[in-house]
Amino acid sequence: MLAELLLLAHVVGATVLFGTGAGIAFFMVMAHRTRDPRLIAHVAGSVVIADTVFTATAAVLQPVTGYLLARIIGWDLTESWIALSLVLYVVTGIFWLPVVWIQIRLRNLARAAASVGTALPPAYFSLYRIWFAFGFPAFFAVLGILWLMLAKPTLF
């Protein structure tokens, strides 16, 4: 029973990480395309909250549920698919943590522009390009983790 509950929590956490990440990316890109500082400020504000409430919570609980699940089932953490999943999880974090800071900066820059009625500053566009680029490795790393969790291949 405990193994099933941990598996459910782990799968839900993976779904939240993937779904929230994809949703955040979609809404940020759509808002950015408008070039409207008020809209971007609003969407980015929601994105920062969603990242804090959903992504950060799942990111903390995911390794905990994974570890406990592996212990209960009897998987060794050095099994190739688990080891690679952990490496990809670190890669995801390396790209996600700066993105959180960038989203806050994008929100603040858009709020400042909206409050004085000006266009978005050049710093906004520079940060947005970095935010956009960092999304790809994080997205594909999470996709890889999901595949590894499902397939459990022997890799090395």
C-alpha atoms as a PDB file:
ATOM      1  CA  MET A   1       0.000   0.000   0.000  1.00  0.00           C
ATOM      2  CA  LEU A   2       2.791   2.449   0.878  1.00  0.00           C
ATOM      3  CA  ALA A   3       4.600   1.693  -2.384  1.00  0.00           C
ATOM      4  CA  GLU A   4       1.442   2.457  -4.374  1.00  0.00           C
ATOM      5  CA  LEU A   5       0.922   5.762  -2.549  1.00  0.00           C
ATOM      6  CA  LEU A   6       4.542   6.765  -3.106  1.00  0.00           C
ATOM      7  CA  LEU A   7       4.293   5.796  -6.772  1.00  0.00           C
ATOM      8  CA  LEU A   8       1.143   7.893  -7.127  1.00  0.00           C
ATOM      9  CA  ALA A   9       2.804  10.866  -5.414  1.00  0.00           C
ATOM     10  CA  HIS A  10       5.880  10.465  -7.618  1.00  0.00           C
ATOM     11  CA  VAL A  11       3.868  10.272 -10.840  1.00  0.00           C
ATOM     12  CA  VAL A  12       1.718  13.238  -9.823  1.00  0.00           C
ATOM     13  CA  GLY A  13       4.893  15.197  -9.006  1.00  0.00           C
ATOM     14  CA  ALA A  14       6.404  14.366 -12.397  1.00  0.00           C
ATOM     15  CA  THR A  15       3.169  15.390 -14.085  1.00  0.00           C
ATOM     16  CA  VAL A  16       3.092  18.671 -12.188  1.00  0.00           C
ATOM     17  CA  LEU A  17       6.721  19.423 -13.103  1.00  0.00           C
ATOM     18  CA  PHE A  18       6.184  18.684 -16.767  1.00  0.00           C
ATOM     19  CA  GLY A  19       2.719  20.227 -17.063  1.00  0.00           C
ATOM     20  CA  THR A  20       3.462  23.374 -15.101  1.00  0.00           C
ATOM     21  CA  GLY A  21       6.708  23.892 -17.001  1.00  0.00           C
ATOM     22  CA  ALA A  22       5.010  23.497 -20.374  1.00  0.00           C
ATOM     23  CA  GLY A  23       2.080  25.698 -19.329  1.00  0.00           C
ATOM     24  CA  ILE A  24       4.311  28.429 -17.955  1.00  0.00           C
ATOM     25  CA  ALA A  25       6.383  28.428 -21.116  1.00  0.00           C
ATOM     26  CA  PHE A  26       3.302  28.630 -23.328  1.00  0.00           C
ATOM     27  CA  PHE A  27       1.694  31.515 -21.451  1.00  0.00           C
ATOM     28  CA  MET A  28       4.944  33.474 -21.145  1.00  0.00           C
ATOM     29  CA  VAL A  29       5.634  33.123 -24.873  1.00  0.00           C
ATOM     30  CA  MET A  30       2.083  34.137 -25.786  1.00  0.00           C
ATOM     31  CA  ALA A  31       2.218  37.167 -23.476  1.00  0.00           C
ATOM     32  CA  HIS A  32       5.661  38.153 -24.785  1.00  0.00           C
ATOM     33  CA  ARG A  33       4.411  38.093 -28.371  1.00  0.00           C
ATOM     34  CA  THR A  34       1.966  40.911 -27.558  1.00  0.00           C
ATOM     35  CA  ARG A  35       4.789  43.246 -26.429  1.00  0.00           C
ATOM     36  CA  ASP A  36       2.181  44.736 -24.054  1.00  0.00           C
ATOM     37  CA  PRO A  37       3.915  45.520 -20.732  1.00  0.00           C
ATOM     38  CA  ARG A  38       0.638  45.365 -18.762  1.00  0.00           C
ATOM     39  CA  LEU A  39      -0.277  41.943 -20.096  1.00  0.00           C
ATOM     40  CA  ILE A  40       3.247  40.604 -19.688  1.00  0.00           C
ATOM     41  CA  ALA A  41       3.415  41.913 -16.124  1.00  0.00           C
ATOM     42  CA  HIS A  42       0.134  40.196 -15.291  1.00  0.00           C
ATOM     43  CA  VAL A  43       1.058  36.861 -16.902  1.00  0.00           C
ATOM     44  CA  ALA A  44       4.590  36.895 -15.508  1.00  0.00           C
ATOM     45  CA  GLY A  45       3.162  37.591 -12.047  1.00  0.00           C
ATOM     46  CA  SER A  46       0.949  34.509 -12.348  1.00  0.00           C
ATOM     47  CA  VAL A  47       3.891  32.485 -13.677  1.00  0.00           C
ATOM     48  CA  VAL A  48       6.053  33.409 -10.689  1.00  0.00           C
ATOM     49  CA  ILE A  49       3.265  32.316  -8.330  1.00  0.00           C
ATOM     50  CA  ALA A  50       2.705  29.052 -10.240  1.00  0.00           C
ATOM     51  CA  ASP A  51       6.420  28.291 -10.216  1.00  0.00           C
ATOM     52  CA  THR A  52       6.562  28.921  -6.482  1.00  0.00           C
ATOM     53  CA  VAL A  53       3.436  26.979  -5.528  1.00  0.00           C
ATOM     54  CA  PHE A  54       3.528  24.074  -7.978  1.00  0.00           C
ATOM     55  CA  THR A  55       6.953  23.670  -9.547  1.00  0.00           C
ATOM     56  CA  ALA A  56       9.034  24.359  -6.449  1.00  0.00           C
ATOM     57  CA  THR A  57       6.867  22.112  -4.279  1.00  0.00           C
ATOM     58  CA  ALA A  58       7.021  19.249  -6.778  1.00  0.00           C
ATOM     59  CA  ALA A  59      10.755  19.807  -7.319  1.00  0.00           C
ATOM     60  CA  VAL A  60      11.391  19.339  -3.591  1.00  0.00           C
ATOM     61  CA  LEU A  61       9.060  16.374  -3.148  1.00  0.00           C
ATOM     62  CA  GLN A  62      10.114  14.528  -6.313  1.00  0.00           C
ATOM     63  CA  PRO A  63      13.508  13.296  -5.089  1.00  0.00           C
ATOM     64  CA  VAL A  64      12.024  12.454  -1.697  1.00  0.00           C
ATOM     65  CA  THR A  65       9.241  10.293  -3.140  1.00  0.00           C
ATOM     66  CA  GLY A  66      11.662   8.791  -5.666  1.00  0.00           C
ATOM     67  CA  TYR A  67      14.163   7.841  -2.974  1.00  0.00           C
ATOM     68  CA  LEU A  68      11.525   6.341  -0.689  1.00  0.00           C
ATOM     69  CA  LEU A  69       9.942   4.473  -3.580  1.00  0.00           C
ATOM     70  CA  ALA A  70      13.295   3.042  -4.664  1.00  0.00           C
ATOM     71  CA  ARG A  71      14.027   1.905  -1.098  1.00  0.00           C
ATOM     72  CA  ILE A  72      10.647   0.212  -0.657  1.00  0.00           C
ATOM     73  CA  ILE A  73      10.703  -1.507  -4.055  1.00  0.00           C
ATOM     74  CA  GLY A  74      14.363  -2.441  -3.709  1.00  0.00           C
ATOM     75  CA  TRP A  75      15.862  -0.499  -6.585  1.00  0.00           C
ATOM     76  CA  ASP A  76      19.489   0.474  -6.236  1.00  0.00           C
ATOM     77  CA  LEU A  77      20.041   4.194  -6.840  1.00  0.00           C
ATOM     78  CA  THR A  78      23.039   3.275  -9.006  1.00  0.00           C
ATOM     79  CA  GLU A  79      20.836   1.433 -11.518  1.00  0.00           C
ATOM     80  CA  SER A  80      21.570   3.076 -14.849  1.00  0.00           C
ATOM     81  CA  TRP A  81      18.119   4.508 -15.480  1.00  0.00           C
ATOM     82  CA  ILE A  82      17.891   5.934 -11.952  1.00  0.00           C
ATOM     83  CA  ALA A  83      21.425   7.355 -12.075  1.00  0.00           C
ATOM     84  CA  LEU A  84      20.760   9.024 -15.434  1.00  0.00           C
ATOM     85  CA  SER A  85      17.417  10.326 -14.146  1.00  0.00           C
ATOM     86  CA  LEU A  86      19.233  11.937 -11.223  1.00  0.00           C
ATOM     87  CA  VAL A  87      21.801  13.520 -13.562  1.00  0.00           C
ATOM     88  CA  LEU A  88      18.990  14.880 -15.760  1.00  0.00           C
ATOM     89  CA  TYR A  89      17.217  16.157 -12.643  1.00  0.00           C
ATOM     90  CA  VAL A  90      20.308  18.158 -11.723  1.00  0.00           C
ATOM     91  CA  VAL A  91      20.532  19.457 -15.307  1.00  0.00           C
ATOM     92  CA  THR A  92      16.897  20.529 -15.077  1.00  0.00           C
ATOM     93  CA  GLY A  93      17.622  22.379 -11.832  1.00  0.00           C
ATOM     94  CA  ILE A  94      20.680  24.081 -13.294  1.00  0.00           C
ATOM     95  CA  PHE A  95      18.499  25.580 -16.008  1.00  0.00           C
ATOM     96  CA  TRP A  96      15.334  26.073 -13.941  1.00  0.00           C
ATOM     97  CA  LEU A  97      16.807  28.048 -11.035  1.00  0.00           C
ATOM     98  CA  PRO A  98      18.071  30.923 -13.222  1.00  0.00           C
ATOM     99  CA  VAL A  99      14.749  30.884 -15.086  1.00  0.00           C
ATOM    100  CA  VAL A 100      12.905  31.579 -11.835  1.00  0.00           C
ATOM    101  CA  TRP A 101      15.076  34.633 -11.209  1.00  0.00           C
ATOM    102  CA  ILE A 102      14.656  35.730 -14.851  1.00  0.00           C
ATOM    103  CA  GLN A 103      10.860  35.419 -14.635  1.00  0.00           C
ATOM    104  CA  ILE A 104      10.852  37.671 -11.591  1.00  0.00           C
ATOM    105  CA  ARG A 105      13.035  40.205 -13.425  1.00  0.00           C
ATOM    106  CA  LEU A 106      10.819  40.026 -16.534  1.00  0.00           C
ATOM    107  CA  ARG A 107       7.764  40.612 -14.373  1.00  0.00           C
ATOM    108  CA  ASN A 108       9.410  43.567 -12.621  1.00  0.00           C
ATOM    109  CA  LEU A 109      10.634  45.143 -15.869  1.00  0.00           C
ATOM    110  CA  ALA A 110       7.173  44.764 -17.425  1.00  0.00           C
ATOM    111  CA  ARG A 111       5.514  46.224 -14.310  1.00  0.00           C
ATOM    112  CA  ALA A 112       7.873  49.203 -14.369  1.00  0.00           C
ATOM    113  CA  ALA A 113       7.203  49.848 -18.063  1.00  0.00           C
ATOM    114  CA  ALA A 114       3.450  49.498 -17.554  1.00  0.00           C
ATOM    115  CA  SER A 115       3.428  51.856 -14.573  1.00  0.00           C
ATOM    116  CA  VAL A 116       4.976  54.703 -16.564  1.00  0.00           C
ATOM    117  CA  GLY A 117       3.387  53.820 -19.893  1.00  0.00           C
ATOM    118  CA  THR A 118       6.599  53.081 -21.801  1.00  0.00           C
ATOM    119  CA  ALA A 119       7.706  50.251 -24.021  1.00  0.00           C
ATOM    120  CA  LEU A 120       9.616  47.314 -22.618  1.00  0.00           C
ATOM    121  CA  PRO A 121      13.305  48.134 -22.089  1.00  0.00           C
ATOM    122  CA  PRO A 122      16.129  46.368 -23.973  1.00  0.00           C
ATOM    123  CA  ALA A 123      17.051  44.495 -20.761  1.00  0.00           C
ATOM    124  CA  TYR A 124      13.673  42.772 -20.907  1.00  0.00           C
ATOM    125  CA  PHE A 125      14.369  41.377 -24.379  1.00  0.00           C
ATOM    126  CA  SER A 126      17.875  40.233 -23.452  1.00  0.00           C
ATOM    127  CA  LEU A 127      16.573  38.388 -20.406  1.00  0.00           C
ATOM    128  CA  TYR A 128      13.675  36.927 -22.377  1.00  0.00           C
ATOM    129  CA  ARG A 129      16.061  35.394 -24.931  1.00  0.00           C
ATOM    130  CA  ILE A 130      18.017  33.735 -22.109  1.00  0.00           C
ATOM    131  CA  TRP A 131      14.775  32.551 -20.477  1.00  0.00           C
ATOM    132  CA  PHE A 132      13.612  31.088 -23.792  1.00  0.00           C
ATOM    133  CA  ALA A 133      16.928  29.357 -24.503  1.00  0.00           C
ATOM    134  CA  PHE A 134      17.145  27.856 -20.992  1.00  0.00           C
ATOM    135  CA  GLY A 135      13.722  26.300 -21.397  1.00  0.00           C
ATOM    136  CA  PHE A 136      14.841  23.825 -24.038  1.00  0.00           C
ATOM    137  CA  PRO A 137      17.442  21.851 -22.065  1.00  0.00           C
ATOM    138  CA  ALA A 138      15.168  21.791 -19.009  1.00  0.00           C
ATOM    139  CA  PHE A 139      12.193  20.612 -21.086  1.00  0.00           C
ATOM    140  CA  PHE A 140      14.129  17.842 -22.810  1.00  0.00           C
ATOM    141  CA  ALA A 141      15.764  16.756 -19.550  1.00  0.00           C
ATOM    142  CA  VAL A 142      12.335  16.353 -17.915  1.00  0.00           C
ATOM    143  CA  LEU A 143      11.065  14.528 -21.003  1.00  0.00           C
ATOM    144  CA  GLY A 144      14.078  12.204 -20.729  1.00  0.00           C
ATOM    145  CA  ILE A 145      13.372  11.575 -17.057  1.00  0.00           C
ATOM    146  CA  LEU A 146       9.767  10.675 -17.836  1.00  0.00           C
ATOM    147  CA  TRP A 147      10.922   8.207 -20.488  1.00  0.00           C
ATOM    148  CA  LEU A 148      13.469   6.686 -18.124  1.00  0.00           C
ATOM    149  CA  MET A 149      10.838   6.290 -15.399  1.00  0.00           C
ATOM    150  CA  LEU A 150       8.516   4.483 -17.795  1.00  0.00           C
ATOM    151  CA  ALA A 151      10.999   2.365 -19.749  1.00  0.00           C
ATOM    152  CA  LYS A 152      13.525   1.649 -16.964  1.00  0.00           C
ATOM    153  CA  PRO A 153      16.171   0.648 -19.524  1.00  0.00           C
ATOM    154  CA  THR A 154      19.523  -0.863 -18.658  1.00  0.00           C
ATOM    155  CA  LEU A 155      21.943   1.681 -20.122  1.00  0.00           C
ATOM    156  CA  PHE A 156      25.356   0.900 -18.655  1.00  0.00           C
END
